[in-house]
Every structure is written in C-alpha cells, then in structure tokens.
C-alpha cells in the first residue's frame, strides 16, 4: 500500500469526470423540495447575520456564508443550502478520488470513490441541511495533499493541506479539531522544517480568526459569542459519559455508533475488516498509514462515543477509511484473478449501497419500535429527503434511553404523542 506517481495525468481524466458527473447526478436525483434537518430553519434565519443567529454553536458561519452566496445567485433559501451541501459533497468525493488514485489505478479509485459517495449515510447527508459532508471533504483534501507531501512533492503541499484545514474550519469551526490532528501527522511524518510548521499554524490561525470574529460580530461581540458556545458545550455534555454514567452514556453512545455504522456500510464492512487485518498484519511496512488513519478517526470516534450520542454524521470519517481499507483488500486479493476483478467487486458494493439508500421506505409508525427504527435507520434514505422526515424521538415523547430502546425492540408499546408539526411525511 504505497503511493505511486502518475506519469500520464491525462489517463485519469475519464474516471475523474465520471466521478464528478455521477456524484452530481446522484445528488440532483434526491434534491430536497423542502427543509431536511432539524436545524434547517435556523440556517435560513442565520442568513440575516444579525443577533437572531441561532445555528448551533460554534455556529458554522462559513456554511451560512456559502448558503448566502448561492442565494445571491437567485436560489431560494432551501435551494441555496441544498446547493451548498451538494457542492461540498461533490468536492469531497473528488478529493477522495484523488487520494485513492495515489494508491490504485484510476478506475479502481473511481469505483472506490463512487461506492463511498453512494453509500446510505454519505448520500443522505449530501442533500440535507446538515454540514457533516465537511468532514469527508476536508479530511479527504488534507489526506490527498498530505500524501503528495510524503511523496516528496514539496512544501507547497503542506500549505495546501493547511488551507484545506483552515477553509474547513470556516465552514465548520470544529474542523480545526477534526482535521488538525491529521495535518499535524503529515507534517511530523514528512519531517517538515519549523518554518513550514509556523506557516501552517499561521494559515489555520487566520482562518480561525475569520470564523470567530465574523460570528461574534453578528451576535454582538466576542463575549456574547463565547457565552453561547459555553451554553452549547453544557448541552452537549448532558449526553456524555460524565452526565449519564458508564452504561447509559458510554454504552448507549457506543451502541448507537456501531448500529449506524452497520446500517451505513453493511456491504463494504466485511472487506473493510479484512483490509484492516491485512494492514495490521503488515504493520511494519504500513505503520505510517496506521498512524495517519488513527489521527483521522480519533476525534470523531471520541466525540461520538464519549460526548454526543454517536450522531450519524460522526460516522463519515470512519466510512471514508473503511472504503479505502476495502479497496486495499479487494485490489490486493482479486487482482490475481484479472485486472478488472477488483473493479467489479467494488462496483457491486457501491451498487448495493445505492439500492439500499434508494429503496429503503419510511415505516408506517404504529408503535414506538417503528419510530425508533425510522429515526435511527430508515430516515437515512432517499424517501426521507423527497418527503422530508425531520422527526426525532423527543417529537413523539419517546424516552431515548438505552433501556427503553431495548424494551421497545422486544415489546413495542403505543406511541406517547403524535407530532402535530411538519416533521413526518404527509400522505
């Protein structure tokens, strides 16, 4: 698993444009006709950039500005934010392809990128108002630039990785936490000189100042902004292990993360596990990739398990790494059976994931079990975008504890409350 230089860049043009075209068409196929996501109204209101700005802190001001940019071209607020999400999704798939193409032939890299892009959780978040696609886009960009840096491409690749981290931080301020460790890993493994470290830190710091002072100006000053961030942190901590204890906190969060991962990639998971085992078996030669993979995953896994309910968006970095591992195993094992065998295998994995996303229905909600299955799994599908399903368990008055969830799976009870607001698809 070593990156290889491409002597003929033009050879990759057809798969590159195929990746861009198929990804864009898939996103247009599920273009939302209304707000999808609980925070959608807050994002639309935030376009005013005044003190009513109420996007969950730290505010994702870059995402709001990107929505305003598309709105300035005449799109409605709903379409403007959908265009922002789709744009970031397409860019993320492109960077993922460029990263994969450093290790495998262009068409194998294209199959890997498209299989990832068409997997249920990735595809779902590419058309909603959530900003989770930023994780895939920014981490893939950092990884691509970082690999070019490790190949000896020069320090300009380190600066590009820093710019990717910084721009991602403007889109989602927590990307400095999620992407920063990966950037540090590449700088350390490439033995970058101190001046390169200083320049990269300066780039990231400048971008942090942009999101901080832009959001603070909208809210009335740094003190007000910091107060809102503090309140959001206190809210998030109510879901963590410190507040809920080992069983309800760590147990529930870990179980939810595992279940969402199982739903997100059931067809790729076996190959990803085999790929991981093969990488670990060759740890002496692959140790750099193991370290970098750990740095890419550690922030999202920590946040999902210890802090915040195993949110579906937090699985996206793991999905990206999983598809790379699967491609590694398939290419390594099946290539002996013919040069196209790995492509067919990865193509089948991608097709099955796409079918799962397009064909999964929203269940008729007759009991609490139906609601729990919809909220946790089946809403991550095309049907929940075409007829927006924005409900969560609280809208139904359902206890979200692990004990109640297990009880409802075994012995479903009546739904305590049917939402009157427009959070479930209307017939």
Protein backbone atom coordinates (compact mmCIF):
# COMPACT_ATOMS: atom_id res chain seq x y z
CA UNK A 1 0.00 0.00 0.00
CA UNK A 2 2.40 2.64 -1.26
CA UNK A 3 1.53 5.77 -3.27
CA UNK A 4 2.72 5.68 -6.84
CA UNK A 5 3.46 8.64 -9.06
CA UNK A 6 1.31 9.04 -12.18
CA UNK A 7 3.39 9.61 -15.30
CA UNK A 8 0.36 10.29 -17.52
CA UNK A 9 -2.16 12.55 -15.76
CA UNK A 10 -4.42 12.57 -18.82
CA UNK A 11 -5.09 8.86 -18.29
CA UNK A 12 -7.13 9.75 -15.21
CA UNK A 13 -9.37 12.30 -16.89
CA UNK A 14 -12.17 9.88 -17.86
CA UNK A 15 -12.56 8.34 -14.39
CA UNK A 16 -12.19 11.76 -12.78
CA UNK A 17 -15.04 13.24 -14.80
CA UNK A 18 -17.07 10.10 -14.27
CA UNK A 19 -16.71 10.55 -10.50
CA UNK A 20 -17.77 14.19 -10.70
CA UNK A 21 -20.66 13.53 -13.09
CA UNK A 22 -22.14 10.51 -11.30
CA UNK A 23 -21.81 12.14 -7.88
CA UNK A 24 -23.51 15.33 -9.06
CA UNK A 25 -26.32 13.43 -10.81
CA UNK A 26 -26.95 11.34 -7.72
CA UNK A 27 -27.29 14.47 -5.58
CA UNK A 28 -29.63 16.11 -8.10
CA UNK A 29 -31.75 12.94 -8.12
CA UNK A 30 -32.55 13.46 -4.42
CA UNK A 31 -32.66 17.25 -4.38
CA UNK A 32 -34.83 18.25 -1.41
CA UNK A 33 -38.06 20.09 -2.08
CA UNK A 34 -38.27 21.40 1.49
CA UNK A 35 -36.13 21.75 4.59
CA UNK A 36 -34.45 18.48 5.58
CA UNK A 37 -32.85 18.52 9.02
CA UNK A 38 -33.92 19.91 12.39
CA UNK A 39 -31.53 22.87 12.14
CA UNK A 40 -32.71 23.93 8.68
CA UNK A 41 -34.88 26.87 9.83
CA UNK A 42 -32.01 28.17 11.97
CA UNK A 43 -29.68 28.16 8.96
CA UNK A 44 -32.18 30.03 6.82
CA UNK A 45 -32.73 32.62 9.54
CA UNK A 46 -28.97 32.95 10.02
CA UNK A 47 -28.63 34.38 6.50
CA UNK A 48 -29.55 37.72 8.08
CA UNK A 49 -26.31 37.61 10.11
CA UNK A 50 -27.87 39.53 12.98
CA UNK A 51 -28.36 38.78 16.67
CA UNK A 52 -31.08 36.24 15.93
CA UNK A 53 -28.32 33.97 14.56
CA UNK A 54 -29.16 30.67 16.26
CA UNK A 55 -27.28 27.98 14.35
CA UNK A 56 -25.98 25.53 16.98
CA UNK A 57 -22.69 26.83 18.28
CA UNK A 58 -19.94 27.23 17.28
CA UNK A 59 -22.19 28.46 14.52
CA UNK A 60 -20.82 27.05 11.23
CA UNK A 61 -20.71 30.59 9.86
CA UNK A 62 -18.90 29.51 6.70
CA UNK A 63 -21.80 27.23 5.84
CA UNK A 64 -24.17 30.18 6.28
CA UNK A 65 -21.98 32.36 4.07
CA UNK A 66 -21.88 29.62 1.43
CA UNK A 67 -25.67 29.47 1.53
CA UNK A 68 -25.82 33.26 1.18
CA UNK A 69 -23.53 33.02 -1.85
CA UNK A 70 -25.88 30.65 -3.66
CA UNK A 71 -28.86 32.73 -2.51
CA UNK A 72 -27.25 35.77 -4.14
CA UNK A 73 -27.49 33.95 -7.49
CA UNK A 74 -31.27 33.81 -7.17
CA UNK A 75 -31.81 30.46 -5.48
CA UNK A 76 -34.42 30.18 -2.74
CA UNK A 77 -33.02 29.69 0.78
CA UNK A 78 -33.86 25.97 0.69
CA UNK A 79 -32.24 25.51 -2.70
CA UNK A 80 -29.29 27.68 -1.72
CA UNK A 81 -28.38 25.50 1.24
CA UNK A 82 -29.03 22.34 -0.77
CA UNK A 83 -26.62 23.69 -3.41
CA UNK A 84 -24.05 24.39 -0.69
CA UNK A 85 -24.31 20.85 0.65
CA UNK A 86 -24.16 19.27 -2.80
CA UNK A 87 -21.14 21.38 -3.75
CA UNK A 88 -19.20 20.33 -0.67
CA UNK A 89 -20.25 16.71 -1.25
CA UNK A 90 -19.03 16.72 -4.86
CA UNK A 91 -15.77 18.38 -3.82
CA UNK A 92 -15.31 15.80 -1.07
CA UNK A 93 -15.87 12.90 -3.46
CA UNK A 94 -13.38 14.45 -5.88
CA UNK A 95 -10.68 14.75 -3.21
CA UNK A 96 -11.44 11.21 -2.08
CA UNK A 97 -10.92 10.00 -5.65
CA UNK A 98 -7.65 11.92 -5.96
CA UNK A 99 -6.49 10.38 -2.70
CA UNK A 100 -7.43 6.84 -3.77
CA UNK A 101 -5.76 7.40 -7.15
CA UNK A 102 -2.41 7.79 -5.37
CA UNK A 103 -2.63 4.11 -4.42
CA UNK A 104 -4.64 2.38 -7.15
CA UNK A 105 -5.35 2.62 -10.83
CA UNK A 106 -7.70 5.49 -11.79
CA UNK A 107 -10.74 3.31 -12.47
CA UNK A 108 -10.30 1.38 -9.23
CA UNK A 109 -10.01 4.71 -7.41
CA UNK A 110 -13.17 5.90 -9.19
CA UNK A 111 -15.11 2.79 -8.16
CA UNK A 112 -13.96 3.26 -4.56
CA UNK A 113 -14.93 6.95 -4.52
CA UNK A 114 -18.35 6.37 -6.08
CA UNK A 115 -19.10 3.42 -3.81
CA UNK A 116 -18.37 5.69 -0.84
CA UNK A 117 -20.39 8.59 -2.27
CA UNK A 118 -23.43 6.38 -2.93
CA UNK A 119 -23.43 4.65 0.46
CA UNK A 120 -26.57 5.45 2.50
CA UNK A 121 -25.31 7.76 5.26
CA UNK A 122 -22.93 9.64 2.96
CA UNK A 123 -25.58 10.13 0.28
CA UNK A 124 -28.21 11.17 2.81
CA UNK A 125 -26.04 13.93 4.29
CA UNK A 126 -25.12 15.18 0.81
CA UNK A 127 -28.65 16.56 0.30
CA UNK A 128 -29.65 17.76 3.75
CA UNK A 129 -29.02 20.97 5.67
CA UNK A 130 -26.52 19.20 7.92
CA UNK A 131 -22.88 20.15 7.48
CA UNK A 132 -21.48 16.67 8.03
CA UNK A 133 -20.16 16.35 4.47
CA UNK A 134 -17.49 18.85 5.55
CA UNK A 135 -15.77 16.02 7.43
CA UNK A 136 -15.34 13.92 4.30
CA UNK A 137 -14.42 16.88 2.11
CA UNK A 138 -11.85 18.46 4.40
CA UNK A 139 -10.27 15.25 5.72
CA UNK A 140 -10.01 13.86 2.17
CA UNK A 141 -8.39 17.09 0.98
CA UNK A 142 -5.91 17.11 3.87
CA UNK A 143 -5.11 13.45 3.24
CA UNK A 144 -4.59 13.98 -0.50
CA UNK A 145 -2.32 16.99 -0.03
CA UNK A 146 -0.55 15.20 2.81
CA UNK A 147 0.16 12.11 0.70
CA UNK A 148 1.63 14.34 -2.00
CA UNK A 149 3.80 15.89 0.70
CA UNK A 150 5.01 12.45 1.84
CA UNK A 151 5.79 11.58 -1.77
CA UNK A 152 8.31 14.41 -1.78
CA UNK A 153 6.20 16.87 -3.74
CA UNK A 154 7.48 19.88 -1.82
CA UNK A 155 6.29 22.08 0.99
CA UNK A 156 3.60 23.66 -1.16
CA UNK A 157 1.52 20.55 -0.43
CA UNK A 158 1.81 21.23 3.29
CA UNK A 159 0.49 24.74 2.75
CA UNK A 160 -2.40 23.40 0.68
CA UNK A 161 -3.25 20.94 3.44
CA UNK A 162 -3.25 23.84 5.91
CA UNK A 163 -5.52 25.89 3.65
CA UNK A 164 -7.92 22.93 3.43
CA UNK A 165 -7.94 22.70 7.22
CA UNK A 166 -8.48 26.44 7.54
CA UNK A 167 -11.27 26.71 4.99
CA UNK A 168 -12.94 23.69 6.55
CA UNK A 169 -12.70 25.46 9.91
CA UNK A 170 -14.56 28.44 8.48
CA UNK A 171 -17.28 26.09 7.21
CA UNK A 172 -17.40 24.15 10.50
CA UNK A 173 -15.27 25.63 13.32
CA UNK A 174 -14.75 22.22 14.90
CA UNK A 175 -12.85 21.09 11.80
CA UNK A 176 -9.70 22.53 13.35
CA UNK A 177 -10.16 19.78 15.92
CA UNK A 178 -11.22 17.05 13.48
CA UNK A 179 -8.77 17.86 10.68
CA UNK A 180 -5.95 19.42 12.69
CA UNK A 181 -4.53 16.13 14.05
CA UNK A 182 -4.31 14.72 10.53
CA UNK A 183 -2.46 17.82 9.33
CA UNK A 184 -0.07 17.54 12.28
CA UNK A 185 0.53 13.89 11.45
CA UNK A 186 1.55 14.64 7.88
CA UNK A 187 3.82 17.50 8.96
CA UNK A 188 5.51 15.27 11.55
CA UNK A 189 5.95 12.24 9.27
CA UNK A 190 7.32 14.40 6.47
CA UNK A 191 9.77 15.99 8.91
CA UNK A 192 8.70 19.45 7.80
CA UNK A 193 11.04 22.24 8.94
CA UNK A 194 9.97 24.70 11.61
CA UNK A 195 9.16 27.44 9.09
CA UNK A 196 6.64 25.15 7.38
CA UNK A 197 5.03 24.35 10.74
CA UNK A 198 4.86 28.07 11.51
CA UNK A 199 3.28 28.89 8.15
CA UNK A 200 0.67 26.13 8.51
CA UNK A 201 -0.20 27.25 12.04
CA UNK A 202 -0.48 30.83 10.77
CA UNK A 203 -2.85 29.81 7.97
CA UNK A 204 -5.09 27.88 10.37
CA UNK A 205 -4.98 30.69 12.95
CA UNK A 206 -6.01 33.27 10.35
CA UNK A 207 -8.98 31.14 9.32
CA UNK A 208 -9.96 30.64 12.95
CA UNK A 209 -10.00 34.42 13.37
CA UNK A 210 -12.31 34.72 10.35
CA UNK A 211 -14.98 32.39 11.75
CA UNK A 212 -14.63 33.67 15.31
CA UNK A 213 -14.85 37.39 14.63
CA UNK A 214 -17.44 37.04 11.84
CA UNK A 215 -19.78 35.10 14.11
CA UNK A 216 -19.01 37.35 17.09
CA UNK A 217 -19.82 40.45 15.02
CA UNK A 218 -23.21 39.01 14.06
CA UNK A 219 -24.05 38.14 17.67
CA UNK A 220 -22.96 41.43 19.21
CA UNK A 221 -19.37 40.78 20.27
CA UNK A 222 -16.93 38.10 21.44
CA UNK A 223 -18.41 37.95 24.96
CA UNK A 224 -21.88 37.06 23.67
CA UNK A 225 -20.44 34.52 21.27
CA UNK A 226 -18.38 32.81 23.95
CA UNK A 227 -21.43 32.74 26.22
CA UNK A 228 -23.44 30.94 23.54
CA UNK A 229 -20.63 28.47 22.89
CA UNK A 230 -20.42 27.75 26.63
CA UNK A 231 -24.16 27.01 26.76
CA UNK A 232 -23.88 24.66 23.78
CA UNK A 233 -20.99 22.81 25.41
CA UNK A 234 -23.04 22.38 28.58
CA UNK A 235 -25.91 21.00 26.49
CA UNK A 236 -23.65 18.52 24.68
CA UNK A 237 -22.17 17.36 27.98
CA UNK A 238 -25.62 16.21 29.11
CA UNK A 239 -25.30 13.36 26.59
CA UNK A 240 -21.78 12.33 27.58
CA UNK A 241 -20.48 9.68 29.91
CA UNK A 242 -19.84 12.27 32.63
CA UNK A 243 -23.55 13.08 32.90
CA UNK A 244 -25.16 9.74 32.02
CA UNK A 245 -22.67 7.32 33.50
CA UNK A 246 -20.91 4.32 32.04
CA UNK A 247 -23.93 2.28 30.94
CA UNK A 248 -26.27 4.98 29.66
CA UNK A 249 -23.50 7.23 28.36
CA UNK A 250 -20.71 5.05 27.04
CA UNK A 251 -22.93 2.03 26.42
CA UNK A 252 -25.68 3.89 24.56
CA UNK A 253 -23.35 6.09 22.53
CA UNK A 254 -21.14 3.17 21.52
CA UNK A 255 -24.12 1.00 20.62
CA UNK A 256 -25.68 3.74 18.51
CA UNK A 257 -22.41 4.41 16.71
CA UNK A 258 -21.97 0.71 15.96
CA UNK A 259 -25.56 0.34 14.73
CA UNK A 260 -25.35 3.39 12.47
CA UNK A 261 -22.06 2.12 11.04
CA UNK A 262 -23.70 -1.24 10.42
CA UNK A 263 -26.57 0.46 8.60
CA UNK A 264 -24.25 2.82 6.72
CA UNK A 265 -21.98 0.19 5.23
CA UNK A 266 -23.23 -3.39 5.54
CA UNK A 267 -21.84 -4.38 2.14
CA UNK A 268 -18.41 -2.80 2.50
CA UNK A 269 -17.85 -3.69 6.16
CA UNK A 270 -16.58 -7.28 5.63
CA UNK A 271 -13.98 -6.12 3.11
CA UNK A 272 -13.01 -3.17 5.32
CA UNK A 273 -12.40 -5.51 8.26
CA UNK A 274 -10.33 -7.82 6.07
CA UNK A 275 -8.39 -4.83 4.80
CA UNK A 276 -7.73 -3.62 8.34
CA UNK A 277 -6.49 -7.04 9.39
CA UNK A 278 -4.17 -7.16 6.40
CA UNK A 279 -2.81 -3.68 7.14
CA UNK A 280 -2.22 -4.60 10.78
CA UNK A 281 -0.51 -7.83 9.73
CA UNK A 282 1.86 -5.71 7.66
CA UNK A 283 2.21 -3.05 10.34
CA UNK A 284 5.98 -2.91 10.00
CA UNK A 285 5.71 -1.54 6.46
CA UNK A 286 2.34 0.21 6.83
CA UNK A 287 2.92 1.89 10.19
CA UNK A 288 2.66 5.41 8.73
CA UNK A 289 -0.79 4.71 7.31
CA UNK A 290 -1.92 3.17 10.59
CA UNK A 291 -0.81 6.30 12.46
CA UNK A 292 -2.48 8.62 9.95
CA UNK A 293 -5.68 6.56 9.94
CA UNK A 294 -5.79 6.75 13.72
CA UNK A 295 -5.33 10.54 13.62
CA UNK A 296 -8.12 10.84 11.04
CA UNK A 297 -10.57 8.78 13.11
CA UNK A 298 -9.70 9.57 16.73
CA UNK A 299 -11.52 12.95 17.04
CA UNK A 300 -14.81 11.78 15.51
CA UNK A 301 -14.80 8.48 17.40
CA UNK A 302 -14.05 10.21 20.69
CA UNK A 303 -16.78 12.77 20.13
CA UNK A 304 -19.30 10.11 19.08
CA UNK A 305 -18.60 7.66 21.89
CA UNK A 306 -17.79 9.87 24.87
CA UNK A 307 -19.59 13.12 24.11
CA UNK A 308 -22.59 13.12 21.83
CA UNK A 309 -24.83 10.15 21.16
CA UNK A 310 -22.97 8.56 18.25
CA UNK A 311 -24.51 11.07 15.83
CA UNK A 312 -24.88 9.65 12.29
CA UNK A 313 -22.72 12.41 10.83
CA UNK A 314 -19.82 11.38 13.02
CA UNK A 315 -19.53 8.07 11.18
CA UNK A 316 -18.48 9.73 7.92
CA UNK A 317 -14.71 9.72 8.59
CA UNK A 318 -14.93 6.05 9.51
CA UNK A 319 -16.85 5.39 6.30
CA UNK A 320 -14.11 7.02 4.25
CA UNK A 321 -11.36 4.99 5.90
CA UNK A 322 -13.49 1.85 5.61
CA UNK A 323 -13.81 2.17 1.84
CA UNK A 324 -10.07 2.74 1.48
CA UNK A 325 -9.40 -0.41 3.50
CA UNK A 326 -11.92 -2.36 1.42
CA UNK A 327 -10.30 -1.18 -1.81
CA UNK A 328 -6.90 -2.20 -0.44
CA UNK A 329 -8.07 -5.74 0.30
CA UNK A 330 -10.05 -6.19 -2.91
CA UNK A 331 -7.21 -4.94 -5.09
CA UNK A 332 -4.61 -6.98 -3.23
CA UNK A 333 -6.57 -10.24 -3.30
CA UNK A 334 -8.62 -10.15 -6.50
CA UNK A 335 -6.09 -8.61 -8.87
CA UNK A 336 -4.59 -12.08 -9.49
CA UNK A 337 -7.95 -13.16 -10.93
CA UNK A 338 -7.82 -10.43 -13.55
CA UNK A 339 -7.15 -6.69 -13.68
CA UNK A 340 -10.85 -5.85 -13.65
CA UNK A 341 -11.93 -8.18 -10.85
CA UNK A 342 -11.37 -5.59 -8.06
CA UNK A 343 -13.30 -3.01 -10.08
CA UNK A 344 -16.31 -5.31 -10.46
CA UNK A 345 -16.25 -6.18 -6.77
CA UNK A 346 -16.12 -2.56 -5.65
CA UNK A 347 -18.75 -1.63 -8.23
CA UNK A 348 -21.11 -4.27 -6.82
CA UNK A 349 -20.51 -2.94 -3.30
CA UNK A 350 -21.37 0.56 -4.47
CA UNK A 351 -24.46 -0.56 -6.38
CA UNK A 352 -25.82 -2.45 -3.38
CA UNK A 353 -25.33 0.60 -1.15
CA UNK A 354 -27.12 2.82 -3.67
CA UNK A 355 -30.04 0.39 -3.91
CA UNK A 356 -30.28 0.30 -0.13
CA UNK A 357 -30.45 4.10 0.00
CA UNK A 358 -33.00 4.46 -2.80
CA UNK A 359 -35.25 1.55 -1.84
CA UNK A 360 -35.48 1.85 1.96
CA UNK A 361 -39.01 3.01 2.89
CA UNK A 362 -40.15 5.07 5.85
CA UNK A 363 -42.01 2.63 8.08
CA UNK A 364 -45.66 3.17 8.98
CA UNK A 365 -45.46 4.32 12.58
CA UNK A 366 -47.82 2.23 14.67
CA UNK A 367 -45.62 1.60 17.71
CA UNK A 368 -42.58 3.09 19.40
CA UNK A 369 -40.41 0.46 17.70
CA UNK A 370 -41.42 1.81 14.28
CA UNK A 371 -40.49 5.34 15.32
CA UNK A 372 -37.13 4.26 16.74
CA UNK A 373 -36.28 2.36 13.55
CA UNK A 374 -37.27 5.34 11.41
CA UNK A 375 -35.31 7.87 13.44
CA UNK A 376 -32.18 5.75 13.76
CA UNK A 377 -32.06 3.98 10.40
CA UNK A 378 -34.69 4.27 7.70
CA UNK A 379 -34.75 8.07 7.68
CA UNK A 380 -31.19 7.86 6.29
CA UNK A 381 -32.68 7.18 2.86
CA UNK A 382 -33.92 8.89 -0.26
CA UNK A 383 -37.57 8.65 0.83
CA UNK A 384 -36.87 10.82 3.88
CA UNK A 385 -35.43 13.53 1.62
CA UNK A 386 -38.10 13.52 -1.08
CA UNK A 387 -40.81 13.72 1.58
CA UNK A 388 -38.81 15.32 4.40
CA UNK A 389 -38.76 13.37 7.62
CA UNK A 390 -37.37 15.70 10.28
CA UNK A 391 -38.58 13.94 13.42
CA UNK A 392 -36.60 12.78 16.42
CA UNK A 393 -37.70 10.71 19.41
CA UNK A 394 -38.45 13.78 21.52
CA UNK A 395 -41.10 14.86 18.99
CA UNK A 396 -43.01 11.67 19.86
CA UNK A 397 -42.36 11.90 23.59
CA UNK A 398 -40.32 8.69 23.43
CA UNK A 399 -37.69 8.03 26.08
CA UNK A 400 -34.34 7.82 24.28
CA UNK A 401 -32.60 5.79 26.99
CA UNK A 402 -30.88 2.54 26.09
CA UNK A 403 -33.14 0.58 28.46
CA UNK A 404 -36.31 1.88 26.82
CA UNK A 405 -34.94 1.32 23.33
CA UNK A 406 -34.16 -2.31 24.12
CA UNK A 407 -37.61 -2.75 25.67
CA UNK A 408 -39.34 -1.30 22.62
CA UNK A 409 -37.41 -3.61 20.30
CA UNK A 410 -38.65 -6.63 22.24
CA UNK A 411 -42.11 -5.47 23.33
CA UNK A 412 -43.19 -2.36 21.40
CA UNK A 413 -45.63 -0.03 23.12
CA UNK A 414 -48.00 2.66 21.91
CA UNK A 415 -46.58 5.99 20.73
CA UNK A 416 -46.99 8.57 23.54
CA UNK A 417 -47.52 11.55 21.26
CA UNK A 418 -48.10 12.07 17.54
CA UNK A 419 -46.33 15.26 16.38
CA UNK A 420 -48.59 17.98 15.06
CA UNK A 421 -45.77 19.92 13.42
CA UNK A 422 -44.46 19.10 9.96
CA UNK A 423 -41.73 16.65 10.97
CA UNK A 424 -43.06 13.46 9.39
CA UNK A 425 -44.00 12.85 5.74
CA UNK A 426 -47.58 13.74 4.92
CA UNK A 427 -49.62 11.45 2.67
